[in-house]
């Protein structure tokens, strides 16, 4: 993982959570996930989430599913996720675990899902090492899913962009590999909406860097973003 993001995940979890809380203000991602399975079916599903972070995707999924077990390697990130979690939702569990060492038995989930974390596994590594890190995580995800269940990967197709395109060559390779493995791709806009210009500048800069502020619309305080959703049924 790139040192910049590793430092954020260990020491700036609160700032990170404030940023992702502004993401997908039109709730497009939720609808795309619902479209993968009928809403009634989701309510019967057991879901395992890898790389849960501060729980941005966990909070989206929690009202929809029957059981959700969320894992992340960063204790700091999960501390925020637990604090923001609705304590009445006792069907959701959190635990510390790396992508390739989830402490669950084989074939325990109807859906295994990750959001914006596989790309970070490969980021900053030589191509062969990055590919190996993602392969091991993918093997673990596949192990957890029952035959006929679904694997879902959510990754960036460009922050600051209005049309989808992988923002780095290593992501382009990753996405091509996924599609060669039989994953179908969808995409949607997951634009950020900020409450004020100072807030937007602060949150965008700390994570993406100052140059990303140039893509912010100063009138609407919207930062465009495209997100890809790759999914495959486990045979």
C-alpha atoms as a PDB file:
ATOM      1  CA  UNK A   1       0.000   0.000   0.000  1.00  0.00           C
ATOM      2  CA  UNK A   2       1.135   3.529  -0.749  1.00  0.00           C
ATOM      3  CA  UNK A   3       2.655   5.173   2.356  1.00  0.00           C
ATOM      4  CA  UNK A   4       0.407   8.235   2.053  1.00  0.00           C
ATOM      5  CA  UNK A   5      -2.776   6.185   2.313  1.00  0.00           C
ATOM      6  CA  UNK A   6      -1.349   3.820   4.931  1.00  0.00           C
ATOM      7  CA  UNK A   7      -0.615   6.844   7.133  1.00  0.00           C
ATOM      8  CA  UNK A   8      -4.149   8.162   6.666  1.00  0.00           C
ATOM      9  CA  UNK A   9      -5.741   4.825   7.528  1.00  0.00           C
ATOM     10  CA  UNK A  10      -3.679   4.544  10.702  1.00  0.00           C
ATOM     11  CA  UNK A  11      -3.646   8.148  11.935  1.00  0.00           C
ATOM     12  CA  UNK A  12      -6.379  10.178  10.196  1.00  0.00           C
ATOM     13  CA  UNK A  13      -9.392   7.890  10.276  1.00  0.00           C
ATOM     14  CA  UNK A  14     -11.700  10.672  11.454  1.00  0.00           C
ATOM     15  CA  UNK A  15     -10.721  12.977   8.571  1.00  0.00           C
ATOM     16  CA  UNK A  16     -11.122  10.103   6.122  1.00  0.00           C
ATOM     17  CA  UNK A  17     -14.605   9.374   7.438  1.00  0.00           C
ATOM     18  CA  UNK A  18     -15.608  13.013   7.064  1.00  0.00           C
ATOM     19  CA  UNK A  19     -14.501  12.883   3.428  1.00  0.00           C
ATOM     20  CA  UNK A  20     -16.313   9.669   2.446  1.00  0.00           C
ATOM     21  CA  UNK A  21     -19.418  10.874   4.250  1.00  0.00           C
ATOM     22  CA  UNK A  22     -19.705  13.501   1.482  1.00  0.00           C
ATOM     23  CA  UNK A  23     -19.393  10.908  -1.286  1.00  0.00           C
ATOM     24  CA  UNK A  24     -22.262   9.739  -3.522  1.00  0.00           C
ATOM     25  CA  UNK A  25     -24.668  12.453  -2.416  1.00  0.00           C
ATOM     26  CA  UNK A  26     -27.236  11.204  -4.961  1.00  0.00           C
ATOM     27  CA  UNK A  27     -27.134   7.621  -3.557  1.00  0.00           C
ATOM     28  CA  UNK A  28     -26.446   6.086  -6.963  1.00  0.00           C
ATOM     29  CA  UNK A  29     -24.250   3.331  -5.564  1.00  0.00           C
ATOM     30  CA  UNK A  30     -26.967   2.045  -3.243  1.00  0.00           C
ATOM     31  CA  UNK A  31     -29.372   1.691  -6.139  1.00  0.00           C
ATOM     32  CA  UNK A  32     -26.820  -0.104  -8.290  1.00  0.00           C
ATOM     33  CA  UNK A  33     -26.159  -2.609  -5.515  1.00  0.00           C
ATOM     34  CA  UNK A  34     -29.874  -3.171  -5.013  1.00  0.00           C
ATOM     35  CA  UNK A  35     -30.205  -3.802  -8.731  1.00  0.00           C
ATOM     36  CA  UNK A  36     -27.751  -6.707  -8.522  1.00  0.00           C
ATOM     37  CA  UNK A  37     -30.263  -8.637  -6.392  1.00  0.00           C
ATOM     38  CA  UNK A  38     -33.955  -8.001  -5.805  1.00  0.00           C
ATOM     39  CA  UNK A  39     -34.436  -5.972  -2.579  1.00  0.00           C
ATOM     40  CA  UNK A  40     -36.272  -8.816  -0.901  1.00  0.00           C
ATOM     41  CA  UNK A  41     -33.415 -11.179  -1.634  1.00  0.00           C
ATOM     42  CA  UNK A  42     -30.865  -8.893  -0.012  1.00  0.00           C
ATOM     43  CA  UNK A  43     -32.761  -9.108   3.279  1.00  0.00           C
ATOM     44  CA  UNK A  44     -32.082 -12.839   3.416  1.00  0.00           C
ATOM     45  CA  UNK A  45     -28.409 -12.575   2.520  1.00  0.00           C
ATOM     46  CA  UNK A  46     -25.356 -13.098   4.705  1.00  0.00           C
ATOM     47  CA  UNK A  47     -22.643 -10.672   3.632  1.00  0.00           C
ATOM     48  CA  UNK A  48     -18.911 -10.495   4.369  1.00  0.00           C
ATOM     49  CA  UNK A  49     -17.171  -7.182   3.744  1.00  0.00           C
ATOM     50  CA  UNK A  50     -13.409  -6.907   3.262  1.00  0.00           C
ATOM     51  CA  UNK A  51     -11.601  -3.617   3.833  1.00  0.00           C
ATOM     52  CA  UNK A  52     -14.551  -2.012   5.600  1.00  0.00           C
ATOM     53  CA  UNK A  53     -12.586   1.066   6.692  1.00  0.00           C
ATOM     54  CA  UNK A  54     -14.691   3.488   8.728  1.00  0.00           C
ATOM     55  CA  UNK A  55     -17.895   1.736   7.661  1.00  0.00           C
ATOM     56  CA  UNK A  56     -19.041   3.863   4.747  1.00  0.00           C
ATOM     57  CA  UNK A  57     -20.184   0.812   2.763  1.00  0.00           C
ATOM     58  CA  UNK A  58     -21.167  -1.034   5.943  1.00  0.00           C
ATOM     59  CA  UNK A  59     -23.684   1.684   6.816  1.00  0.00           C
ATOM     60  CA  UNK A  60     -25.108   1.522   3.314  1.00  0.00           C
ATOM     61  CA  UNK A  61     -25.544  -2.267   3.433  1.00  0.00           C
ATOM     62  CA  UNK A  62     -26.640  -2.666   7.037  1.00  0.00           C
ATOM     63  CA  UNK A  63     -30.375  -1.886   6.557  1.00  0.00           C
ATOM     64  CA  UNK A  64     -30.542  -4.129   3.491  1.00  0.00           C
ATOM     65  CA  UNK A  65     -29.070  -7.466   4.581  1.00  0.00           C
ATOM     66  CA  UNK A  66     -29.773 -10.257   7.023  1.00  0.00           C
ATOM     67  CA  UNK A  67     -26.261 -10.503   8.488  1.00  0.00           C
ATOM     68  CA  UNK A  68     -23.104  -8.490   7.832  1.00  0.00           C
ATOM     69  CA  UNK A  69     -19.589  -9.243   9.047  1.00  0.00           C
ATOM     70  CA  UNK A  70     -17.158  -6.410   8.297  1.00  0.00           C
ATOM     71  CA  UNK A  71     -13.356  -6.689   8.473  1.00  0.00           C
ATOM     72  CA  UNK A  72     -10.462  -4.252   8.161  1.00  0.00           C
ATOM     73  CA  UNK A  73      -6.755  -4.427   8.970  1.00  0.00           C
ATOM     74  CA  UNK A  74      -6.747  -0.976  10.617  1.00  0.00           C
ATOM     75  CA  UNK A  75      -7.914  -0.797  14.217  1.00  0.00           C
ATOM     76  CA  UNK A  76      -8.186   2.994  13.934  1.00  0.00           C
ATOM     77  CA  UNK A  77     -10.566   2.755  10.990  1.00  0.00           C
ATOM     78  CA  UNK A  78     -12.748   0.129  12.651  1.00  0.00           C
ATOM     79  CA  UNK A  79     -12.915   2.197  15.834  1.00  0.00           C
ATOM     80  CA  UNK A  80     -14.661   4.934  13.838  1.00  0.00           C
ATOM     81  CA  UNK A  81     -16.887   2.363  12.112  1.00  0.00           C
ATOM     82  CA  UNK A  82     -18.015   0.937  15.454  1.00  0.00           C
ATOM     83  CA  UNK A  83     -18.637   4.392  16.913  1.00  0.00           C
ATOM     84  CA  UNK A  84     -20.823   5.406  13.957  1.00  0.00           C
ATOM     85  CA  UNK A  85     -22.677   2.091  13.850  1.00  0.00           C
ATOM     86  CA  UNK A  86     -26.290   1.944  15.011  1.00  0.00           C
ATOM     87  CA  UNK A  87     -26.159  -0.248  18.168  1.00  0.00           C
ATOM     88  CA  UNK A  88     -29.664  -1.512  17.455  1.00  0.00           C
ATOM     89  CA  UNK A  89     -28.372  -3.257  14.313  1.00  0.00           C
ATOM     90  CA  UNK A  90     -27.091  -6.339  16.114  1.00  0.00           C
ATOM     91  CA  UNK A  91     -26.849  -8.288  12.867  1.00  0.00           C
ATOM     92  CA  UNK A  92     -23.626  -6.390  12.062  1.00  0.00           C
ATOM     93  CA  UNK A  93     -20.241  -7.465  13.460  1.00  0.00           C
ATOM     94  CA  UNK A  94     -16.809  -5.837  13.147  1.00  0.00           C
ATOM     95  CA  UNK A  95     -13.387  -7.487  13.478  1.00  0.00           C
ATOM     96  CA  UNK A  96      -9.770  -6.740  12.623  1.00  0.00           C
ATOM     97  CA  UNK A  97      -8.406  -8.882   9.779  1.00  0.00           C
ATOM     98  CA  UNK A  98      -6.291  -8.480   6.664  1.00  0.00           C
ATOM     99  CA  UNK A  99      -7.810  -9.165   3.255  1.00  0.00           C
ATOM    100  CA  UNK A 100      -6.085 -12.526   2.851  1.00  0.00           C
ATOM    101  CA  UNK A 101      -6.725 -13.814   6.397  1.00  0.00           C
ATOM    102  CA  UNK A 102     -10.424 -13.498   7.211  1.00  0.00           C
ATOM    103  CA  UNK A 103     -11.161 -15.615  10.323  1.00  0.00           C
ATOM    104  CA  UNK A 104     -14.249 -17.378   8.951  1.00  0.00           C
ATOM    105  CA  UNK A 105     -14.948 -20.856   7.621  1.00  0.00           C
ATOM    106  CA  UNK A 106     -15.301 -21.621   3.934  1.00  0.00           C
ATOM    107  CA  UNK A 107     -18.556 -20.843   2.118  1.00  0.00           C
ATOM    108  CA  UNK A 108     -20.222 -18.809   4.889  1.00  0.00           C
ATOM    109  CA  UNK A 109     -21.555 -15.898   2.827  1.00  0.00           C
ATOM    110  CA  UNK A 110     -24.046 -15.284   0.065  1.00  0.00           C
ATOM    111  CA  UNK A 111     -22.197 -12.114  -0.911  1.00  0.00           C
ATOM    112  CA  UNK A 112     -18.579 -11.050  -0.399  1.00  0.00           C
ATOM    113  CA  UNK A 113     -17.946  -7.388  -1.107  1.00  0.00           C
ATOM    114  CA  UNK A 114     -15.121  -4.872  -0.938  1.00  0.00           C
ATOM    115  CA  UNK A 115     -15.114  -1.149  -1.543  1.00  0.00           C
ATOM    116  CA  UNK A 116     -12.120   0.878  -2.740  1.00  0.00           C
ATOM    117  CA  UNK A 117      -9.644  -1.412  -0.999  1.00  0.00           C
ATOM    118  CA  UNK A 118      -8.252  -3.877  -3.546  1.00  0.00           C
ATOM    119  CA  UNK A 119      -6.810  -1.030  -5.600  1.00  0.00           C
ATOM    120  CA  UNK A 120      -5.006   0.267  -2.527  1.00  0.00           C
ATOM    121  CA  UNK A 121      -3.483  -3.178  -1.957  1.00  0.00           C
ATOM    122  CA  UNK A 122      -1.636  -2.893  -5.264  1.00  0.00           C
ATOM    123  CA  UNK A 123      -0.866   0.810  -5.092  1.00  0.00           C
ATOM    124  CA  UNK A 124       2.807   1.638  -4.642  1.00  0.00           C
ATOM    125  CA  UNK A 125       3.955  -1.961  -5.206  1.00  0.00           C
ATOM    126  CA  UNK A 126       5.858  -3.363  -8.182  1.00  0.00           C
ATOM    127  CA  UNK A 127       3.373  -4.823 -10.707  1.00  0.00           C
ATOM    128  CA  UNK A 128       4.049  -8.477  -9.836  1.00  0.00           C
ATOM    129  CA  UNK A 129       3.736  -7.862  -6.088  1.00  0.00           C
ATOM    130  CA  UNK A 130       0.591  -5.797  -6.517  1.00  0.00           C
ATOM    131  CA  UNK A 131      -1.006  -8.466  -8.681  1.00  0.00           C
ATOM    132  CA  UNK A 132      -0.099 -11.121  -6.107  1.00  0.00           C
ATOM    133  CA  UNK A 133      -1.609  -9.091  -3.252  1.00  0.00           C
ATOM    134  CA  UNK A 134      -4.886  -8.704  -5.137  1.00  0.00           C
ATOM    135  CA  UNK A 135      -4.881 -12.375  -6.182  1.00  0.00           C
ATOM    136  CA  UNK A 136      -4.550 -13.528  -2.570  1.00  0.00           C
ATOM    137  CA  UNK A 137      -7.369 -11.198  -1.496  1.00  0.00           C
ATOM    138  CA  UNK A 138      -9.512 -12.441  -4.368  1.00  0.00           C
ATOM    139  CA  UNK A 139      -8.837 -16.062  -3.409  1.00  0.00           C
ATOM    140  CA  UNK A 140      -9.934 -15.294   0.146  1.00  0.00           C
ATOM    141  CA  UNK A 141     -13.076 -13.553  -1.045  1.00  0.00           C
ATOM    142  CA  UNK A 142     -13.923 -16.523  -3.271  1.00  0.00           C
ATOM    143  CA  UNK A 143     -13.300 -18.965  -0.397  1.00  0.00           C
ATOM    144  CA  UNK A 144     -15.869 -17.196   1.761  1.00  0.00           C
ATOM    145  CA  UNK A 145     -18.722 -17.322  -0.773  1.00  0.00           C
ATOM    146  CA  UNK A 146     -21.095 -20.227  -1.207  1.00  0.00           C
ATOM    147  CA  UNK A 147     -21.545 -21.686  -4.707  1.00  0.00           C
ATOM    148  CA  UNK A 148     -24.118 -19.530  -6.466  1.00  0.00           C
ATOM    149  CA  UNK A 149     -23.223 -16.546  -4.290  1.00  0.00           C
ATOM    150  CA  UNK A 150     -21.845 -13.265  -5.547  1.00  0.00           C
ATOM    151  CA  UNK A 151     -18.508 -11.479  -5.411  1.00  0.00           C
ATOM    152  CA  UNK A 152     -18.728  -7.676  -5.684  1.00  0.00           C
ATOM    153  CA  UNK A 153     -15.807  -5.291  -6.053  1.00  0.00           C
ATOM    154  CA  UNK A 154     -16.229  -1.515  -5.929  1.00  0.00           C
ATOM    155  CA  UNK A 155     -13.272   0.536  -7.171  1.00  0.00           C
ATOM    156  CA  UNK A 156     -12.542   3.990  -8.496  1.00  0.00           C
ATOM    157  CA  UNK A 157     -12.942   4.981 -12.122  1.00  0.00           C
ATOM    158  CA  UNK A 158     -11.705   8.464 -11.453  1.00  0.00           C
ATOM    159  CA  UNK A 159     -12.231  11.195  -8.867  1.00  0.00           C
ATOM    160  CA  UNK A 160     -12.532  14.594 -10.516  1.00  0.00           C
ATOM    161  CA  UNK A 161     -13.799  12.922 -13.690  1.00  0.00           C
ATOM    162  CA  UNK A 162     -17.264  13.005 -15.240  1.00  0.00           C
ATOM    163  CA  UNK A 163     -16.700   9.973 -17.471  1.00  0.00           C
ATOM    164  CA  UNK A 164     -15.183   6.663 -16.313  1.00  0.00           C
ATOM    165  CA  UNK A 165     -11.506   5.914 -16.842  1.00  0.00           C
ATOM    166  CA  UNK A 166      -8.983   4.145 -14.589  1.00  0.00           C
ATOM    167  CA  UNK A 167      -6.872   6.921 -13.037  1.00  0.00           C
ATOM    168  CA  UNK A 168      -3.632   4.886 -13.014  1.00  0.00           C
ATOM    169  CA  UNK A 169      -2.048   2.190 -15.199  1.00  0.00           C
ATOM    170  CA  UNK A 170      -1.972  -0.382 -12.392  1.00  0.00           C
ATOM    171  CA  UNK A 171      -5.733   0.057 -11.933  1.00  0.00           C
ATOM    172  CA  UNK A 172      -6.287  -0.382 -15.656  1.00  0.00           C
ATOM    173  CA  UNK A 173      -4.411  -3.694 -15.455  1.00  0.00           C
ATOM    174  CA  UNK A 174      -6.401  -4.751 -12.388  1.00  0.00           C
ATOM    175  CA  UNK A 175      -9.731  -4.000 -14.023  1.00  0.00           C
ATOM    176  CA  UNK A 176      -8.772  -5.784 -17.235  1.00  0.00           C
ATOM    177  CA  UNK A 177      -7.754  -8.835 -15.190  1.00  0.00           C
ATOM    178  CA  UNK A 178     -11.107  -8.823 -13.416  1.00  0.00           C
ATOM    179  CA  UNK A 179     -12.995  -8.722 -16.679  1.00  0.00           C
ATOM    180  CA  UNK A 180     -10.829 -11.521 -18.108  1.00  0.00           C
ATOM    181  CA  UNK A 181     -11.853 -13.556 -15.045  1.00  0.00           C
ATOM    182  CA  UNK A 182     -15.517 -13.164 -15.920  1.00  0.00           C
ATOM    183  CA  UNK A 183     -16.480 -10.149 -13.835  1.00  0.00           C
ATOM    184  CA  UNK A 184     -19.146  -7.926 -15.379  1.00  0.00           C
ATOM    185  CA  UNK A 185     -18.662  -4.181 -14.949  1.00  0.00           C
ATOM    186  CA  UNK A 186     -21.147  -1.415 -14.239  1.00  0.00           C
ATOM    187  CA  UNK A 187     -20.403   2.147 -13.255  1.00  0.00           C
ATOM    188  CA  UNK A 188     -22.142   5.115 -11.719  1.00  0.00           C
ATOM    189  CA  UNK A 189     -21.400   8.659 -10.601  1.00  0.00           C
ATOM    190  CA  UNK A 190     -20.576   8.969  -6.895  1.00  0.00           C
ATOM    191  CA  UNK A 191     -20.014  12.736  -6.737  1.00  0.00           C
ATOM    192  CA  UNK A 192     -18.987  14.421  -3.496  1.00  0.00           C
ATOM    193  CA  UNK A 193     -21.097  17.308  -2.185  1.00  0.00           C
ATOM    194  CA  UNK A 194     -19.555  19.591   0.417  1.00  0.00           C
ATOM    195  CA  UNK A 195     -21.152  22.053   2.831  1.00  0.00           C
ATOM    196  CA  UNK A 196     -18.658  24.888   2.319  1.00  0.00           C
ATOM    197  CA  UNK A 197     -15.639  25.804   0.233  1.00  0.00           C
ATOM    198  CA  UNK A 198     -13.200  25.650   3.183  1.00  0.00           C
ATOM    199  CA  UNK A 199     -14.500  22.193   4.097  1.00  0.00           C
ATOM    200  CA  UNK A 200     -14.162  21.006   0.512  1.00  0.00           C
ATOM    201  CA  UNK A 201     -10.604  22.291   0.186  1.00  0.00           C
ATOM    202  CA  UNK A 202      -9.513  20.767   3.483  1.00  0.00           C
ATOM    203  CA  UNK A 203     -10.990  17.309   2.922  1.00  0.00           C
ATOM    204  CA  UNK A 204     -10.053  17.041  -0.742  1.00  0.00           C
ATOM    205  CA  UNK A 205      -6.472  18.182  -0.167  1.00  0.00           C
ATOM    206  CA  UNK A 206      -5.651  15.919   2.752  1.00  0.00           C
ATOM    207  CA  UNK A 207      -6.615  12.780   0.833  1.00  0.00           C
ATOM    208  CA  UNK A 208      -6.288  13.497  -2.902  1.00  0.00           C
ATOM    209  CA  UNK A 209      -3.819  16.391  -2.884  1.00  0.00           C
ATOM    210  CA  UNK A 210      -4.231  20.082  -3.653  1.00  0.00           C
ATOM    211  CA  UNK A 211      -4.425  19.589  -7.424  1.00  0.00           C
ATOM    212  CA  UNK A 212      -7.770  17.769  -7.071  1.00  0.00           C
ATOM    213  CA  UNK A 213      -9.387  20.990  -5.777  1.00  0.00           C
ATOM    214  CA  UNK A 214      -9.208  22.287  -9.357  1.00  0.00           C
ATOM    215  CA  UNK A 215     -11.948  19.795 -10.270  1.00  0.00           C
ATOM    216  CA  UNK A 216     -14.343  21.132  -7.628  1.00  0.00           C
ATOM    217  CA  UNK A 217     -17.212  23.279  -8.906  1.00  0.00           C
ATOM    218  CA  UNK A 218     -16.950  26.362  -6.641  1.00  0.00           C
ATOM    219  CA  UNK A 219     -20.616  27.233  -7.161  1.00  0.00           C
ATOM    220  CA  UNK A 220     -22.241  23.858  -6.427  1.00  0.00           C
ATOM    221  CA  UNK A 221     -19.372  22.516  -4.256  1.00  0.00           C
ATOM    222  CA  UNK A 222     -19.626  19.245  -6.195  1.00  0.00           C
ATOM    223  CA  UNK A 223     -16.548  17.152  -6.938  1.00  0.00           C
ATOM    224  CA  UNK A 224     -17.375  14.646  -9.707  1.00  0.00           C
ATOM    225  CA  UNK A 225     -16.409  11.020  -9.371  1.00  0.00           C
ATOM    226  CA  UNK A 226     -16.956   7.798 -11.309  1.00  0.00           C
ATOM    227  CA  UNK A 227     -17.063   4.420  -9.561  1.00  0.00           C
ATOM    228  CA  UNK A 228     -16.990   0.938 -11.043  1.00  0.00           C
ATOM    229  CA  UNK A 229     -18.845  -2.110  -9.739  1.00  0.00           C
ATOM    230  CA  UNK A 230     -17.524  -5.514 -10.802  1.00  0.00           C
ATOM    231  CA  UNK A 231     -19.561  -8.617  -9.971  1.00  0.00           C
ATOM    232  CA  UNK A 232     -19.418 -12.347 -10.645  1.00  0.00           C
ATOM    233  CA  UNK A 233     -21.398 -15.365  -9.496  1.00  0.00           C
ATOM    234  CA  UNK A 234     -19.315 -18.046  -7.778  1.00  0.00           C
ATOM    235  CA  UNK A 235     -19.559 -21.384  -9.563  1.00  0.00           C
END
